[in-house]
Protein backbone atom coordinates (compact mmCIF):
# COMPACT_ATOMS: atom_id res chain seq x y z
CA ARG A 1 322.15 158.54 266.76
CA THR A 2 323.94 155.67 267.98
CA GLY A 3 327.81 155.77 269.25
CA SER A 4 328.27 153.09 266.87
CA SER A 5 327.86 155.57 263.83
CA ARG A 6 327.85 159.43 265.42
CA PRO A 7 331.40 160.62 263.89
CA MET A 8 333.64 161.48 266.07
CA ALA A 9 333.35 165.08 267.96
CA VAL A 10 335.40 167.25 266.08
CA THR A 11 337.70 168.38 269.65
CA PRO A 12 341.03 168.72 270.47
CA GLN A 13 340.58 166.33 273.57
CA THR A 14 338.33 163.28 270.89
CA ASN A 15 340.67 160.62 270.49
CA THR A 16 337.73 157.38 269.78
CA THR A 17 334.15 156.98 269.89
CA LEU A 18 331.11 155.28 272.05
CA ALA A 19 331.54 152.13 270.65
CA ALA A 20 335.38 151.94 271.29
CA ILE A 21 335.02 152.90 274.86
CA ALA A 22 332.55 150.14 275.01
CA ASP A 23 334.25 148.04 273.90
CA ALA A 24 337.36 148.44 276.52
CA LEU A 25 335.09 149.31 279.96
CA ARG A 26 333.09 145.47 278.91
CA GLY A 27 336.98 143.70 279.23
CA ARG A 28 337.05 145.11 282.90
CA ASP A 29 335.60 144.65 286.06
CA HIS A 30 336.73 147.89 288.47
CA PHE A 31 335.86 150.85 288.14
CA VAL A 32 335.97 154.20 289.31
CA ILE A 33 333.74 157.28 288.49
CA CYS A 34 334.02 160.51 289.25
CA GLY A 35 332.87 164.00 287.68
CA HIS A 36 334.08 168.07 288.67
CA VAL A 37 333.91 169.81 292.08
CA SER A 38 330.56 171.40 292.76
CA PRO A 39 329.06 167.89 291.30
CA ASP A 40 326.38 169.71 289.14
CA GLY A 41 322.49 167.79 288.04
CA ASP A 42 324.52 166.82 284.71
CA CYS A 43 327.87 165.85 286.33
CA LEU A 44 326.36 163.87 289.23
CA GLY A 45 323.79 162.46 287.24
CA SER A 46 326.39 161.49 284.27
CA GLU A 47 327.99 159.97 287.23
CA LEU A 48 325.71 157.09 288.45
CA ALA A 49 323.82 156.55 285.10
CA LEU A 50 327.34 155.05 283.78
CA ALA A 51 327.62 153.57 287.28
CA ALA A 52 324.19 152.32 287.50
CA ALA A 53 324.81 150.58 283.51
CA LEU A 54 328.03 149.22 284.26
CA ARG A 55 326.78 147.50 287.55
CA GLN A 56 324.17 146.27 285.78
CA ALA A 57 326.58 144.61 283.18
CA GLY A 58 328.56 142.60 286.71
CA LYS A 59 330.97 145.30 287.09
CA GLN A 60 332.19 146.81 290.30
CA VAL A 61 331.65 150.65 290.77
CA SER A 62 332.98 153.02 293.15
CA CYS A 63 331.45 156.79 292.48
CA LEU A 64 333.82 159.64 293.84
CA VAL A 65 332.86 162.91 294.45
CA ALA A 66 335.91 165.76 294.06
CA THR A 67 336.12 167.05 296.99
CA ASP A 68 334.71 166.49 300.50
CA ASP A 69 332.37 169.60 300.75
CA PRO A 70 329.14 168.48 301.03
CA VAL A 71 326.82 167.33 297.49
CA ASP A 72 324.07 169.07 296.79
CA GLY A 73 321.43 167.04 298.67
CA ARG A 74 318.48 168.33 295.97
CA PHE A 75 320.10 165.38 293.96
CA ALA A 76 319.53 162.95 297.46
CA PHE A 77 316.59 161.17 294.94
CA LEU A 78 319.29 159.80 292.39
CA PRO A 79 320.01 155.76 292.45
CA GLY A 80 323.20 155.26 294.25
CA PHE A 81 323.38 158.74 296.05
CA GLU A 82 324.00 158.16 298.71
CA GLY A 83 327.27 155.64 297.76
CA LEU A 84 329.17 158.79 297.03
CA MET A 85 332.39 158.79 298.36
CA PRO A 86 335.06 161.44 298.95
CA ALA A 87 337.53 160.83 296.26
CA SER A 88 340.16 161.68 299.69
CA ALA A 89 339.02 158.58 301.21
CA PHE A 90 338.99 156.11 298.51
CA ASP A 91 342.39 153.73 298.28
CA GLY A 92 340.70 150.93 296.45
CA ALA A 93 342.60 148.76 293.45
CA PHE A 94 340.74 149.70 290.31
CA ASP A 95 340.97 149.35 286.56
CA VAL A 96 339.71 152.14 284.36
CA PHE A 97 339.23 155.72 285.62
CA VAL A 98 335.98 157.58 284.08
CA ALA A 99 335.92 161.22 284.68
CA VAL A 100 332.41 162.77 283.47
CA ASP A 101 331.35 165.78 282.82
CA VAL A 102 334.57 167.10 283.15
CA PRO A 103 337.91 167.92 281.20
CA THR A 104 340.74 168.94 282.73
CA THR A 105 342.34 167.46 286.15
CA GLU A 106 342.09 170.08 287.93
CA ARG A 107 338.45 170.68 288.19
CA LEU A 108 338.71 166.78 289.88
CA ALA A 109 340.64 168.22 292.53
CA ASP A 110 341.25 165.51 294.74
CA ALA A 111 340.61 162.76 292.56
CA ALA A 112 343.08 163.83 290.38
CA ALA A 113 345.56 161.88 292.52
CA VAL A 114 342.92 158.71 291.74
CA HIS A 115 343.32 159.62 288.57
CA GLY A 116 346.89 159.80 288.26
CA ARG A 117 347.33 156.07 289.45
CA ALA A 118 344.91 154.51 287.05
CA PRO A 119 345.80 151.70 284.40
CA LEU A 120 343.61 153.31 282.15
CA THR A 121 341.28 156.86 281.79
CA VAL A 122 338.80 157.65 280.14
CA THR A 123 336.99 160.43 279.37
CA ILE A 124 333.19 161.61 278.52
CA ASP A 125 332.16 165.04 278.70
CA HIS A 126 330.44 167.97 276.38
CA HIS A 127 332.59 170.71 277.52
CA ALA A 128 335.56 171.02 274.84
CA VAL A 129 339.07 172.31 275.88
CA ASP A 130 342.20 171.99 273.96
CA SER A 131 343.93 169.41 275.63
CA ARG A 132 343.12 165.55 276.38
CA MET A 133 343.31 163.97 279.84
CA ALA A 134 342.50 160.77 279.39
CA ASP A 135 343.64 157.69 277.34
CA LEU A 136 339.80 157.52 275.73
CA SER A 137 338.43 160.59 275.41
CA PHE A 138 335.00 161.61 273.97
CA THR A 139 333.40 164.79 273.53
CA ASP A 140 330.86 166.32 271.76
CA PRO A 141 330.44 169.67 272.35
CA GLU A 142 326.85 169.66 270.45
CA ALA A 143 325.40 167.24 273.07
CA PRO A 144 322.55 168.96 275.41
CA SER A 145 324.33 167.13 278.63
CA THR A 146 327.02 164.73 279.52
CA THR A 147 324.21 162.44 280.12
CA THR A 148 322.94 161.53 276.80
CA LEU A 149 326.46 161.03 275.61
CA VAL A 150 326.19 158.54 279.20
CA TRP A 151 322.49 157.12 278.11
CA GLU A 152 324.32 156.80 273.99
CA LEU A 153 326.88 154.38 275.83
CA ALA A 154 325.23 152.75 278.34
CA GLY A 155 323.04 151.36 274.53
CA LEU A 156 326.32 149.82 273.46
CA LEU A 157 326.72 147.71 276.71
CA PRO A 158 325.65 143.98 277.30
CA ILE A 159 322.11 145.42 278.93
CA GLU A 160 318.86 147.02 279.09
CA ARG A 161 319.14 150.51 280.39
CA SER A 162 317.62 150.15 284.13
CA ALA A 163 315.20 152.62 285.24
CA ASP A 164 318.04 153.97 287.19
CA VAL A 165 319.98 154.69 284.39
CA ALA A 166 316.85 156.35 282.34
CA LEU A 167 316.20 158.62 286.33
CA CYS A 168 320.45 160.04 286.34
CA ALA A 169 320.33 160.78 282.69
CA TYR A 170 317.26 162.34 282.08
CA THR A 171 318.15 164.52 285.37
CA GLY A 172 321.12 165.64 283.85
CA LEU A 173 319.70 166.33 280.65
CA ALA A 174 316.85 168.42 281.92
CA THR A 175 319.54 170.43 284.76
CA ASP A 176 321.82 170.91 281.79
CA THR A 177 318.84 172.19 278.95
């Protein structure tokens, strides 16, 4: 299955395809990516895999965590982990806020304020809910992890997916299944 041929997931919040999201990302340069409170392997893997892919494509990326709480150190091996920043400390300019593995702004906690000032918002997730929190939203509840969706999305960008992207994506798949 590829993002360009995959049928849209039948969820209330899905309003686009991964291919359309890739098109939107290619045309912008500064990104903020964040997942849910108490981030697990799928959340961190999704965030850091997408960040690595976007950086490969020459984009600037800030990776946020939803709260000031410490992040589980078992994931410190993930490329980019050291650059995670609490959302409350972020005040930079950006073009796009990408929420991964998080279906509602409530689960973004402190990052909801950053999300609220985004010129464009995107959600990539596998948790179905009854509402949409982003301009562009793709949710596939049949996906075993959000990292599998990020892996597909990265394949639609003008890059060869790196070992960093693969490690982060695999971590999310392995910890969520």
